[in-house]
């Protein structure tokens, strides 16, 4: 089966070692940023922020959070070209959703007189919201939609990546508390270009057989 989509997905792997001398271009960072913004989310809630660490100082701050846990991931913090912190709002409110609807109206997607009907769709988020307003399990799920989207975008751009759930969440959220402004950061993504020492770049792709993971009924 020939398809550029499948070629991209077969090309992609989890990078284990980055070349610190190779940097993602400004143009590609702009594409990545816009692709993040265009990610899908339930009821178009967009309960996220994506914090891109590109300065040496910002990446060093991230590196400093690897003090006692997940030390194997620490080199990525400074060797990768960029780090993306994926953050979500753990107390996403109807007021937050109303701001999204107002942007929909501004963009011509929704007519002003239909605003109340549109805002009423927040009832879906209410299903996952505790009396305290906490709905992090739901907003975190939206975050991973964006995460999957950007992995494919990076493959299209032939930019290497490493998902980093192996981070000390408490330390990351403390170090970047000002930037997060109350948002949670359960996962990060290292992006850049692998170096010659990356053993994983030379290994064949391995996934379970198609018939065991896709079933037609």
N, C-alpha and C. Protein backbone atom coordinates (compact mmCIF):
# COMPACT_ATOMS: atom_id res chain seq x y z
N UNK A 1 0.84 -1.19 0.00
CA UNK A 1 0.00 0.00 0.00
C UNK A 1 0.89 1.25 0.00
N UNK A 2 0.72 2.12 -0.97
CA UNK A 2 1.52 3.33 -1.07
C UNK A 2 0.70 4.55 -0.66
N UNK A 3 1.25 5.32 0.24
CA UNK A 3 0.60 6.55 0.70
C UNK A 3 1.63 7.41 1.41
N UNK A 4 1.69 8.72 1.09
CA UNK A 4 2.62 9.59 1.81
C UNK A 4 2.30 9.65 3.30
N UNK A 5 1.03 9.47 3.65
CA UNK A 5 0.65 9.46 5.06
C UNK A 5 1.32 8.28 5.77
N UNK A 6 1.22 7.10 5.17
CA UNK A 6 1.83 5.92 5.77
C UNK A 6 3.35 6.01 5.76
N UNK A 7 3.89 6.63 4.73
CA UNK A 7 5.34 6.84 4.69
C UNK A 7 5.79 7.68 5.89
N UNK A 8 5.03 8.74 6.17
CA UNK A 8 5.37 9.60 7.30
C UNK A 8 5.31 8.83 8.62
N UNK A 9 4.24 8.04 8.80
CA UNK A 9 4.06 7.31 10.05
C UNK A 9 5.09 6.21 10.22
N UNK A 10 5.49 5.61 9.11
CA UNK A 10 6.55 4.60 9.19
C UNK A 10 7.91 5.23 9.46
N UNK A 11 8.10 6.46 9.00
CA UNK A 11 9.37 7.17 9.22
C UNK A 11 9.54 7.52 10.69
N UNK A 12 8.42 7.88 11.36
CA UNK A 12 8.47 8.39 12.73
C UNK A 12 8.85 7.31 13.74
N UNK A 13 9.65 7.70 14.71
CA UNK A 13 9.99 6.82 15.83
C UNK A 13 10.30 7.71 17.03
N UNK A 14 10.46 7.11 18.19
CA UNK A 14 10.79 7.89 19.38
C UNK A 14 12.30 8.07 19.46
N UNK A 15 12.74 9.29 19.32
CA UNK A 15 14.16 9.61 19.30
C UNK A 15 14.77 9.45 20.70
N UNK A 16 15.93 8.84 20.76
CA UNK A 16 16.60 8.59 22.03
C UNK A 16 17.80 9.49 22.28
N UNK A 17 18.29 10.16 21.22
CA UNK A 17 19.47 11.01 21.38
C UNK A 17 19.45 12.11 20.32
N UNK A 18 19.59 13.35 20.77
CA UNK A 18 19.48 14.51 19.87
C UNK A 18 20.83 15.15 19.59
N UNK A 19 20.93 15.76 18.43
CA UNK A 19 22.10 16.55 18.05
C UNK A 19 21.86 17.98 18.51
N UNK A 20 22.57 18.45 19.53
CA UNK A 20 22.34 19.80 20.07
C UNK A 20 22.73 20.92 19.10
N UNK A 21 23.42 20.57 18.03
CA UNK A 21 23.87 21.58 17.07
C UNK A 21 22.88 21.81 15.94
N UNK A 22 21.79 21.04 15.93
CA UNK A 22 20.79 21.19 14.89
C UNK A 22 19.53 21.81 15.47
N UNK A 23 19.07 22.87 14.82
CA UNK A 23 17.95 23.65 15.32
C UNK A 23 16.81 23.68 14.30
N UNK A 24 15.60 23.56 14.79
CA UNK A 24 14.42 23.66 13.93
C UNK A 24 14.28 25.09 13.44
N UNK A 25 13.97 25.26 12.18
CA UNK A 25 13.87 26.60 11.60
C UNK A 25 12.69 27.37 12.18
N UNK A 26 12.81 28.68 12.11
CA UNK A 26 11.71 29.56 12.56
C UNK A 26 10.44 29.28 11.78
N UNK A 27 10.59 29.01 10.48
CA UNK A 27 9.42 28.71 9.65
C UNK A 27 8.71 27.45 10.13
N UNK A 28 9.48 26.41 10.44
CA UNK A 28 8.85 25.17 10.89
C UNK A 28 8.24 25.31 12.28
N UNK A 29 8.85 26.11 13.15
CA UNK A 29 8.25 26.35 14.46
C UNK A 29 6.91 27.06 14.30
N UNK A 30 6.83 27.96 13.33
CA UNK A 30 5.56 28.64 13.06
C UNK A 30 4.50 27.64 12.58
N UNK A 31 4.90 26.70 11.73
CA UNK A 31 3.97 25.67 11.26
C UNK A 31 3.50 24.80 12.42
N UNK A 32 4.43 24.39 13.27
CA UNK A 32 4.11 23.57 14.43
C UNK A 32 3.14 24.31 15.36
N UNK A 33 3.40 25.59 15.58
CA UNK A 33 2.54 26.39 16.46
C UNK A 33 1.12 26.47 15.92
N UNK A 34 1.00 26.70 14.61
CA UNK A 34 -0.32 26.80 14.01
C UNK A 34 -1.02 25.45 14.01
N UNK A 35 -0.27 24.38 13.79
CA UNK A 35 -0.86 23.04 13.83
C UNK A 35 -1.39 22.71 15.22
N UNK A 36 -0.69 23.13 16.25
CA UNK A 36 -1.18 22.95 17.62
C UNK A 36 -2.49 23.69 17.80
N UNK A 37 -2.54 24.92 17.33
CA UNK A 37 -3.74 25.74 17.47
C UNK A 37 -4.94 25.12 16.76
N UNK A 38 -4.69 24.43 15.66
CA UNK A 38 -5.76 23.86 14.84
C UNK A 38 -6.20 22.47 15.32
N UNK A 39 -5.64 21.99 16.40
CA UNK A 39 -5.99 20.66 16.90
C UNK A 39 -7.47 20.56 17.28
N UNK A 40 -7.99 19.36 17.14
CA UNK A 40 -9.40 19.10 17.49
C UNK A 40 -9.56 18.96 19.00
N UNK A 41 -10.77 19.29 19.49
CA UNK A 41 -11.11 19.07 20.90
C UNK A 41 -12.61 18.93 21.04
N UNK A 42 -13.05 18.23 22.06
CA UNK A 42 -14.47 18.03 22.30
C UNK A 42 -15.17 19.37 22.45
N UNK A 43 -16.29 19.53 21.81
CA UNK A 43 -17.11 20.76 21.73
C UNK A 43 -16.26 21.98 21.38
N UNK A 44 -15.13 21.73 20.71
CA UNK A 44 -14.21 22.81 20.34
C UNK A 44 -13.77 23.61 21.56
N UNK A 45 -13.60 22.92 22.68
CA UNK A 45 -13.33 23.58 23.97
C UNK A 45 -11.96 24.24 24.03
N UNK A 46 -10.96 23.61 23.41
CA UNK A 46 -9.58 24.15 23.39
C UNK A 46 -9.09 24.52 24.79
N UNK A 47 -9.14 23.57 25.74
CA UNK A 47 -8.79 23.90 27.13
C UNK A 47 -7.30 23.81 27.41
N UNK A 48 -6.49 24.35 26.53
CA UNK A 48 -5.05 24.11 26.59
C UNK A 48 -4.21 25.35 26.37
N UNK A 49 -2.95 25.21 26.69
CA UNK A 49 -1.90 26.14 26.28
C UNK A 49 -0.67 25.30 25.96
N UNK A 50 0.08 25.74 24.96
CA UNK A 50 1.30 25.04 24.56
C UNK A 50 2.47 25.99 24.75
N UNK A 51 3.36 25.63 25.63
CA UNK A 51 4.49 26.49 25.97
C UNK A 51 5.74 25.93 25.32
N UNK A 52 6.27 26.66 24.36
CA UNK A 52 7.44 26.20 23.61
C UNK A 52 8.71 26.77 24.23
N UNK A 53 9.57 25.88 24.67
CA UNK A 53 10.85 26.28 25.27
C UNK A 53 11.90 26.26 24.17
N UNK A 54 12.42 27.42 23.83
CA UNK A 54 13.43 27.48 22.77
C UNK A 54 14.72 28.15 23.21
N UNK A 55 14.67 28.99 24.23
CA UNK A 55 15.90 29.64 24.70
C UNK A 55 16.71 28.67 25.56
N UNK A 56 18.01 28.88 25.61
CA UNK A 56 18.86 28.04 26.45
C UNK A 56 18.42 28.13 27.91
N UNK A 57 18.01 29.32 28.33
CA UNK A 57 17.60 29.51 29.72
C UNK A 57 16.34 28.70 30.03
N UNK A 58 15.37 28.74 29.14
CA UNK A 58 14.12 28.01 29.38
C UNK A 58 14.38 26.51 29.40
N UNK A 59 15.21 26.02 28.48
CA UNK A 59 15.50 24.59 28.43
C UNK A 59 16.31 24.15 29.66
N UNK A 60 17.17 25.03 30.15
CA UNK A 60 17.92 24.71 31.36
C UNK A 60 16.98 24.63 32.57
N UNK A 61 16.02 25.51 32.62
CA UNK A 61 15.02 25.45 33.70
C UNK A 61 14.30 24.11 33.67
N UNK A 62 13.96 23.65 32.47
CA UNK A 62 13.30 22.35 32.34
C UNK A 62 14.25 21.23 32.77
N UNK A 63 15.51 21.34 32.36
CA UNK A 63 16.51 20.35 32.74
C UNK A 63 16.64 20.25 34.26
N UNK A 64 16.53 21.38 34.93
CA UNK A 64 16.69 21.41 36.38
C UNK A 64 15.60 20.64 37.11
N UNK A 65 14.49 20.36 36.44
CA UNK A 65 13.40 19.63 37.11
C UNK A 65 13.69 18.13 37.18
N UNK A 66 14.70 17.67 36.46
CA UNK A 66 15.08 16.25 36.50
C UNK A 66 16.12 16.02 37.60
N UNK A 67 15.68 16.11 38.84
CA UNK A 67 16.61 15.96 39.96
C UNK A 67 16.64 14.55 40.51
N UNK A 68 15.47 13.92 40.59
CA UNK A 68 15.42 12.60 41.22
C UNK A 68 14.66 11.57 40.39
N UNK A 69 13.92 12.01 39.38
CA UNK A 69 13.10 11.09 38.60
C UNK A 69 13.41 11.20 37.11
N UNK A 70 13.25 10.09 36.41
CA UNK A 70 13.29 10.06 34.94
C UNK A 70 14.58 10.68 34.39
N UNK A 71 15.69 10.36 35.01
CA UNK A 71 16.96 10.98 34.63
C UNK A 71 17.38 10.62 33.20
N UNK A 72 16.89 9.51 32.68
CA UNK A 72 17.23 9.13 31.31
C UNK A 72 16.71 10.15 30.30
N UNK A 73 15.66 10.89 30.68
CA UNK A 73 15.10 11.90 29.78
C UNK A 73 15.78 13.26 29.91
N UNK A 74 16.62 13.43 30.92
CA UNK A 74 17.22 14.74 31.17
C UNK A 74 18.03 15.29 30.00
N UNK A 75 18.83 14.48 29.28
CA UNK A 75 19.60 15.04 28.16
C UNK A 75 18.74 15.69 27.08
N UNK A 76 17.52 15.19 26.91
CA UNK A 76 16.64 15.78 25.90
C UNK A 76 16.34 17.24 26.20
N UNK A 77 16.33 17.58 27.47
CA UNK A 77 15.93 18.93 27.87
C UNK A 77 16.81 20.00 27.23
N UNK A 78 18.09 19.72 27.13
CA UNK A 78 19.01 20.72 26.58
C UNK A 78 19.54 20.35 25.19
N UNK A 79 19.51 19.07 24.82
CA UNK A 79 20.03 18.67 23.51
C UNK A 79 19.02 18.81 22.39
N UNK A 80 17.73 18.64 22.70
CA UNK A 80 16.71 18.81 21.68
C UNK A 80 16.64 20.28 21.27
N UNK A 81 16.20 20.52 20.06
CA UNK A 81 16.09 21.89 19.59
C UNK A 81 15.08 22.69 20.41
N UNK A 82 13.92 22.09 20.67
CA UNK A 82 12.85 22.74 21.42
C UNK A 82 12.16 21.71 22.32
N UNK A 83 11.53 22.19 23.35
CA UNK A 83 10.66 21.39 24.21
C UNK A 83 9.28 22.06 24.20
N UNK A 84 8.25 21.26 24.07
CA UNK A 84 6.89 21.79 24.16
C UNK A 84 6.24 21.26 25.42
N UNK A 85 5.79 22.15 26.29
CA UNK A 85 5.02 21.76 27.46
C UNK A 85 3.54 21.77 27.06
N UNK A 86 2.90 20.63 27.21
CA UNK A 86 1.48 20.51 26.91
C UNK A 86 0.70 20.71 28.21
N UNK A 87 -0.10 21.77 28.27
CA UNK A 87 -0.78 22.09 29.51
C UNK A 87 -2.29 22.23 29.29
N UNK A 88 -3.04 21.91 30.33
CA UNK A 88 -4.51 21.97 30.22
C UNK A 88 -5.10 22.60 31.47
N UNK A 89 -6.29 23.15 31.30
CA UNK A 89 -6.99 23.82 32.39
C UNK A 89 -7.76 22.79 33.22
N UNK A 90 -7.39 22.58 34.49
CA UNK A 90 -8.07 21.56 35.29
C UNK A 90 -9.42 22.03 35.86
N UNK A 91 -9.73 23.30 35.66
CA UNK A 91 -11.01 23.86 36.12
C UNK A 91 -11.65 24.65 34.97
N UNK A 92 -11.83 23.96 33.85
CA UNK A 92 -12.40 24.61 32.66
C UNK A 92 -13.86 24.96 32.95
N UNK A 93 -14.20 26.25 32.78
CA UNK A 93 -15.52 26.74 33.19
C UNK A 93 -16.38 27.15 32.00
N UNK A 94 -17.64 27.40 32.29
CA UNK A 94 -18.54 27.87 31.25
C UNK A 94 -18.10 29.24 30.72
N UNK A 95 -17.45 30.02 31.59
CA UNK A 95 -16.91 31.31 31.13
C UNK A 95 -15.78 31.11 30.14
N UNK A 96 -14.95 30.08 30.37
CA UNK A 96 -13.89 29.76 29.40
C UNK A 96 -14.50 29.37 28.06
N UNK A 97 -15.55 28.56 28.13
CA UNK A 97 -16.20 28.11 26.90
C UNK A 97 -16.89 29.27 26.19
N UNK A 98 -17.45 30.20 26.95
CA UNK A 98 -18.11 31.35 26.35
C UNK A 98 -17.12 32.18 25.54
N UNK A 99 -15.88 32.26 26.01
CA UNK A 99 -14.84 32.99 25.26
C UNK A 99 -14.58 32.32 23.91
N UNK A 100 -14.64 30.98 23.88
CA UNK A 100 -14.50 30.25 22.62
C UNK A 100 -15.66 30.57 21.69
N UNK A 101 -16.87 30.59 22.23
CA UNK A 101 -18.05 30.89 21.42
C UNK A 101 -17.99 32.31 20.87
N UNK A 102 -17.51 33.24 21.68
CA UNK A 102 -17.37 34.63 21.21
C UNK A 102 -16.42 34.70 20.02
N UNK A 103 -15.35 33.89 20.07
CA UNK A 103 -14.41 33.84 18.93
C UNK A 103 -15.09 33.21 17.72
N UNK A 104 -15.92 32.18 17.94
CA UNK A 104 -16.68 31.58 16.85
C UNK A 104 -17.56 32.62 16.17
N UNK A 105 -18.19 33.46 16.97
CA UNK A 105 -19.06 34.52 16.43
C UNK A 105 -18.22 35.51 15.63
N UNK A 106 -17.08 35.90 16.17
CA UNK A 106 -16.19 36.84 15.49
C UNK A 106 -15.71 36.28 14.15
N UNK A 107 -15.49 34.96 14.10
CA UNK A 107 -15.01 34.32 12.87
C UNK A 107 -16.14 34.01 11.90
N UNK A 108 -17.38 34.27 12.29
CA UNK A 108 -18.51 34.02 11.41
C UNK A 108 -19.00 32.59 11.42
N UNK A 109 -18.54 31.80 12.37
CA UNK A 109 -18.97 30.40 12.44
C UNK A 109 -20.35 30.28 13.09
N UNK A 110 -20.63 31.16 14.04
CA UNK A 110 -21.90 31.14 14.75
C UNK A 110 -22.52 32.53 14.66
N UNK A 111 -23.83 32.59 14.43
CA UNK A 111 -24.53 33.87 14.41
C UNK A 111 -24.75 34.37 15.84
N UNK A 112 -24.62 35.67 16.07
CA UNK A 112 -24.75 36.20 17.42
C UNK A 112 -26.02 35.76 18.14
N UNK A 113 -27.12 35.66 17.41
CA UNK A 113 -28.39 35.28 18.03
C UNK A 113 -28.42 33.81 18.45
N UNK A 114 -27.44 33.03 18.01
CA UNK A 114 -27.37 31.62 18.38
C UNK A 114 -26.38 31.37 19.53
N UNK A 115 -25.89 32.43 20.15
CA UNK A 115 -24.87 32.27 21.17
C UNK A 115 -25.34 31.41 22.34
N UNK A 116 -26.53 31.66 22.84
CA UNK A 116 -27.02 30.89 23.99
C UNK A 116 -27.10 29.41 23.66
N UNK A 117 -27.56 29.09 22.47
CA UNK A 117 -27.63 27.68 22.05
C UNK A 117 -26.24 27.06 22.02
N UNK A 118 -25.27 27.83 21.52
CA UNK A 118 -23.91 27.32 21.42
C UNK A 118 -23.30 27.11 22.81
N UNK A 119 -23.50 28.07 23.69
CA UNK A 119 -22.95 27.97 25.05
C UNK A 119 -23.57 26.79 25.80
N UNK A 120 -24.80 26.45 25.46
CA UNK A 120 -25.48 25.35 26.16
C UNK A 120 -24.77 24.01 25.95
N UNK A 121 -23.93 23.92 24.93
CA UNK A 121 -23.19 22.68 24.69
C UNK A 121 -22.19 22.40 25.82
N UNK A 122 -21.97 23.39 26.67
CA UNK A 122 -21.09 23.15 27.84
C UNK A 122 -21.67 22.07 28.74
N UNK A 123 -22.95 21.76 28.57
CA UNK A 123 -23.56 20.70 29.37
C UNK A 123 -22.80 19.38 29.21
N UNK A 124 -22.17 19.19 28.04
CA UNK A 124 -21.37 17.98 27.84
C UNK A 124 -20.17 17.98 28.77
N UNK A 125 -19.51 19.14 28.91
CA UNK A 125 -18.38 19.23 29.84
C UNK A 125 -18.84 19.06 31.27
N UNK A 126 -20.06 19.52 31.56
CA UNK A 126 -20.61 19.38 32.91
C UNK A 126 -20.68 17.93 33.35
N UNK A 127 -20.85 17.03 32.39
CA UNK A 127 -20.92 15.61 32.72
C UNK A 127 -19.65 15.12 33.39
N UNK A 128 -18.54 15.81 33.12
CA UNK A 128 -17.23 15.40 33.63
C UNK A 128 -16.68 16.37 34.67
N UNK A 129 -17.53 17.27 35.13
CA UNK A 129 -17.10 18.32 36.06
C UNK A 129 -17.63 18.06 37.46
N UNK A 130 -16.72 18.03 38.42
CA UNK A 130 -17.11 17.82 39.81
C UNK A 130 -17.72 19.09 40.39
N UNK A 131 -18.45 18.99 41.52
CA UNK A 131 -19.05 20.18 42.13
C UNK A 131 -18.04 21.30 42.39
N UNK A 132 -16.79 20.94 42.61
CA UNK A 132 -15.74 21.94 42.86
C UNK A 132 -15.30 22.65 41.58
N UNK A 133 -15.78 22.17 40.42
CA UNK A 133 -15.35 22.73 39.14
C UNK A 133 -14.19 22.00 38.53
N UNK A 134 -13.69 20.98 39.21
CA UNK A 134 -12.54 20.22 38.72
C UNK A 134 -12.97 19.27 37.60
N UNK A 135 -12.34 19.39 36.45
CA UNK A 135 -12.65 18.50 35.32
C UNK A 135 -11.38 18.14 34.54
N UNK A 136 -10.29 17.98 35.30
CA UNK A 136 -8.98 17.75 34.68
C UNK A 136 -8.93 16.47 33.85
N UNK A 137 -9.66 15.43 34.26
CA UNK A 137 -9.63 14.20 33.48
C UNK A 137 -10.15 14.43 32.07
N UNK A 138 -11.17 15.27 31.96
CA UNK A 138 -11.75 15.58 30.64
C UNK A 138 -10.83 16.50 29.84
N UNK A 139 -10.32 17.55 30.46
CA UNK A 139 -9.47 18.48 29.70
C UNK A 139 -8.13 17.83 29.33
N UNK A 140 -7.64 16.92 30.17
CA UNK A 140 -6.41 16.21 29.83
C UNK A 140 -6.61 15.34 28.59
N UNK A 141 -7.80 14.75 28.49
CA UNK A 141 -8.10 13.93 27.30
C UNK A 141 -8.04 14.77 26.03
N UNK A 142 -8.49 16.01 26.10
CA UNK A 142 -8.43 16.90 24.93
C UNK A 142 -6.98 17.20 24.57
N UNK A 143 -6.15 17.34 25.60
CA UNK A 143 -4.73 17.64 25.39
C UNK A 143 -4.06 16.56 24.55
N UNK A 144 -4.44 15.31 24.78
CA UNK A 144 -3.81 14.22 24.05
C UNK A 144 -4.27 14.14 22.60
N UNK A 145 -5.43 14.72 22.30
CA UNK A 145 -5.82 14.86 20.89
C UNK A 145 -4.81 15.76 20.17
N UNK A 146 -4.44 16.85 20.81
CA UNK A 146 -3.45 17.76 20.22
C UNK A 146 -2.08 17.09 20.15
N UNK A 147 -1.77 16.28 21.15
CA UNK A 147 -0.47 15.60 21.17
C UNK A 147 -0.34 14.66 19.99
N UNK A 148 -1.38 13.86 19.75
CA UNK A 148 -1.34 12.94 18.61
C UNK A 148 -1.26 13.68 17.28
N UNK A 149 -1.98 14.79 17.20
CA UNK A 149 -1.96 15.59 15.98
C UNK A 149 -0.55 16.08 15.66
N UNK A 150 0.12 16.59 16.67
CA UNK A 150 1.42 17.20 16.39
C UNK A 150 2.50 16.16 16.10
N UNK A 151 2.35 14.94 16.61
CA UNK A 151 3.31 13.89 16.26
C UNK A 151 3.29 13.62 14.76
N UNK A 152 2.09 13.63 14.18
CA UNK A 152 1.99 13.39 12.73
C UNK A 152 2.52 14.60 11.96
N UNK A 153 2.22 15.79 12.42
CA UNK A 153 2.73 17.00 11.76
C UNK A 153 4.26 16.98 11.74
N UNK A 154 4.86 16.62 12.86
CA UNK A 154 6.32 16.56 12.93
C UNK A 154 6.88 15.53 11.96
N UNK A 155 6.18 14.41 11.83
CA UNK A 155 6.62 13.40 10.87
C UNK A 155 6.55 13.93 9.45
N UNK A 156 5.51 14.70 9.15
CA UNK A 156 5.40 15.31 7.81
C UNK A 156 6.57 16.23 7.54
N UNK A 157 7.02 16.92 8.60
CA UNK A 157 8.12 17.88 8.47
C UNK A 157 9.50 17.22 8.59
N UNK A 158 9.50 15.91 8.85
CA UNK A 158 10.74 15.16 9.07
C UNK A 158 11.54 15.76 10.23
N UNK A 159 10.81 16.03 11.29
CA UNK A 159 11.40 16.50 12.54
C UNK A 159 11.22 15.40 13.58
N UNK A 160 12.30 15.05 14.26
CA UNK A 160 12.26 13.99 15.26
C UNK A 160 11.55 14.45 16.53
N UNK A 161 11.04 13.47 17.29
CA UNK A 161 10.31 13.81 18.51
C UNK A 161 10.41 12.71 19.54
N UNK A 162 10.23 13.10 20.80
CA UNK A 162 10.22 12.17 21.92
C UNK A 162 9.13 12.56 22.91
N UNK A 163 8.05 11.79 23.00
CA UNK A 163 7.04 12.07 24.02
C UNK A 163 7.64 11.91 25.41
N UNK A 164 7.36 12.86 26.28
CA UNK A 164 7.94 12.85 27.62
C UNK A 164 6.85 12.86 28.69
N UNK A 165 6.25 11.68 28.91
CA UNK A 165 5.42 11.55 30.10
C UNK A 165 6.30 11.33 31.32
N UNK A 166 7.55 10.94 31.05
CA UNK A 166 8.52 10.76 32.13
C UNK A 166 9.12 12.09 32.55
N UNK A 167 8.28 12.90 33.19
CA UNK A 167 8.74 14.17 33.77
C UNK A 167 8.24 14.24 35.21
N UNK A 168 8.93 15.00 36.02
CA UNK A 168 8.49 15.22 37.40
C UNK A 168 7.46 16.34 37.37
N UNK A 169 6.19 15.96 37.28
CA UNK A 169 5.12 16.94 37.06
C UNK A 169 5.12 18.03 38.13
N UNK A 170 5.29 17.66 39.38
CA UNK A 170 5.25 18.65 40.45
C UNK A 170 6.38 19.67 40.30
N UNK A 171 7.58 19.19 39.96
CA UNK A 171 8.70 20.11 39.79
C UNK A 171 8.53 21.00 38.56
N UNK A 172 8.02 20.41 37.47
CA UNK A 172 7.79 21.19 36.26
C UNK A 172 6.75 22.28 36.53
N UNK A 173 5.67 21.92 37.19
CA UNK A 173 4.61 22.90 37.45
C UNK A 173 5.07 23.97 38.43
N UNK A 174 5.98 23.63 39.33
CA UNK A 174 6.53 24.64 40.24
C UNK A 174 7.49 25.57 39.50
N UNK A 175 8.38 24.99 38.69
CA UNK A 175 9.37 25.79 37.96
C UNK A 175 8.72 26.75 36.97
N UNK A 176 7.64 26.29 36.32
CA UNK A 176 6.98 27.11 35.30
C UNK A 176 5.62 27.61 35.77
N UNK A 177 5.48 27.79 37.07
CA UNK A 177 4.19 28.18 37.64
C UNK A 177 3.68 29.50 37.07
N UNK A 178 4.57 30.43 36.83
CA UNK A 178 4.14 31.72 36.29
C UNK A 178 3.61 31.56 34.87
N UNK A 179 4.30 30.76 34.07
CA UNK A 179 3.86 30.56 32.68
C UNK A 179 2.58 29.71 32.63
N UNK A 180 2.46 28.73 33.52
CA UNK A 180 1.29 27.85 33.51
C UNK A 180 0.04 28.54 34.04
N UNK A 181 0.22 29.44 35.01
CA UNK A 181 -0.89 30.24 35.54
C UNK A 181 -2.09 29.36 35.92
N UNK A 182 -1.83 28.32 36.68
CA UNK A 182 -2.89 27.46 37.16
C UNK A 182 -3.19 26.25 36.29
N UNK A 183 -2.60 26.19 35.10
CA UNK A 183 -2.81 25.04 34.24
C UNK A 183 -1.93 23.87 34.70
N UNK A 184 -2.29 22.67 34.30
CA UNK A 184 -1.53 21.47 34.65
C UNK A 184 -0.69 21.03 33.45
N UNK A 185 0.47 20.42 33.74
CA UNK A 185 1.37 19.97 32.67
C UNK A 185 1.73 18.50 32.89
N UNK A 186 0.94 17.58 32.32
CA UNK A 186 1.21 16.16 32.53
C UNK A 186 2.23 15.56 31.56
N UNK A 187 2.55 16.28 30.49
CA UNK A 187 3.40 15.70 29.46
C UNK A 187 4.12 16.80 28.67
N UNK A 188 5.29 16.46 28.18
CA UNK A 188 6.06 17.38 27.34
C UNK A 188 6.50 16.63 26.09
N UNK A 189 7.04 17.38 25.14
CA UNK A 189 7.50 16.78 23.89
C UNK A 189 8.83 17.41 23.50
N UNK A 190 9.85 16.58 23.37
CA UNK A 190 11.14 17.04 22.85
C UNK A 190 11.10 16.93 21.33
N UNK A 191 11.59 17.96 20.64
CA UNK A 191 11.60 17.94 19.18
C UNK A 191 12.95 18.46 18.68
N UNK A 192 13.39 17.94 17.55
CA UNK A 192 14.67 18.35 16.99
C UNK A 192 15.15 17.34 15.97
N UNK A 193 16.45 17.04 15.99
CA UNK A 193 17.03 16.12 15.02
C UNK A 193 17.98 15.17 15.74
N UNK A 194 17.84 13.88 15.44
CA UNK A 194 18.64 12.88 16.16
C UNK A 194 20.11 12.96 15.76
N UNK A 195 20.95 12.45 16.64
CA UNK A 195 22.37 12.39 16.32
C UNK A 195 22.75 10.97 15.90
N UNK A 196 24.00 10.77 15.55
CA UNK A 196 24.45 9.48 15.03
C UNK A 196 24.45 8.39 16.10
N UNK A 197 24.42 8.80 17.36
CA UNK A 197 24.44 7.80 18.44
C UNK A 197 23.06 7.23 18.75
N UNK A 198 22.05 7.72 18.06
CA UNK A 198 20.68 7.29 18.36
C UNK A 198 20.42 5.89 17.78
N UNK A 199 20.50 4.89 18.65
CA UNK A 199 20.34 3.50 18.20
C UNK A 199 18.93 3.25 17.65
N UNK A 200 17.94 3.96 18.17
CA UNK A 200 16.56 3.69 17.77
C UNK A 200 16.29 4.09 16.32
N UNK A 201 17.11 4.99 15.80
CA UNK A 201 16.92 5.44 14.41
C UNK A 201 17.22 4.33 13.41
N UNK A 202 17.99 3.34 13.83
CA UNK A 202 18.40 2.29 12.90
C UNK A 202 17.56 1.02 13.02
N UNK A 203 16.66 0.99 13.99
CA UNK A 203 15.87 -0.22 14.21
C UNK A 203 14.62 -0.23 13.33
N UNK A 204 14.17 -1.41 12.90
CA UNK A 204 12.96 -1.48 12.06
C UNK A 204 11.72 -1.12 12.86
N UNK A 205 10.71 -0.64 12.16
CA UNK A 205 9.43 -0.33 12.77
C UNK A 205 8.79 -1.63 13.26
N UNK A 206 8.13 -1.58 14.41
CA UNK A 206 7.48 -2.77 14.94
C UNK A 206 6.14 -2.40 15.56
N UNK A 207 5.07 -2.97 15.02
CA UNK A 207 3.73 -2.81 15.58
C UNK A 207 3.02 -4.15 15.50
N UNK A 208 1.99 -4.34 16.30
CA UNK A 208 1.20 -5.57 16.23
C UNK A 208 0.54 -5.67 14.87
N UNK A 209 0.26 -6.90 14.40
CA UNK A 209 -0.34 -7.09 13.07
C UNK A 209 -1.67 -6.37 12.94
N UNK A 210 -1.96 -5.93 11.73
CA UNK A 210 -3.18 -5.17 11.46
C UNK A 210 -4.43 -5.91 11.93
N UNK A 211 -4.48 -7.20 11.66
CA UNK A 211 -5.70 -7.95 11.99
C UNK A 211 -5.94 -8.07 13.49
N UNK A 212 -4.92 -7.80 14.31
CA UNK A 212 -5.12 -7.89 15.76
C UNK A 212 -5.56 -6.55 16.37
N UNK A 213 -5.42 -5.48 15.63
CA UNK A 213 -5.76 -4.16 16.20
C UNK A 213 -6.91 -3.47 15.48
N UNK A 214 -7.23 -3.89 14.25
CA UNK A 214 -8.34 -3.30 13.51
C UNK A 214 -9.33 -4.40 13.16
N UNK A 215 -10.57 -4.23 13.60
CA UNK A 215 -11.60 -5.24 13.36
C UNK A 215 -12.77 -4.59 12.63
N UNK A 216 -13.20 -5.22 11.56
CA UNK A 216 -14.35 -4.73 10.79
C UNK A 216 -15.55 -5.62 11.10
N UNK A 217 -16.69 -5.00 11.37
CA UNK A 217 -17.90 -5.79 11.68
C UNK A 217 -19.07 -5.31 10.83
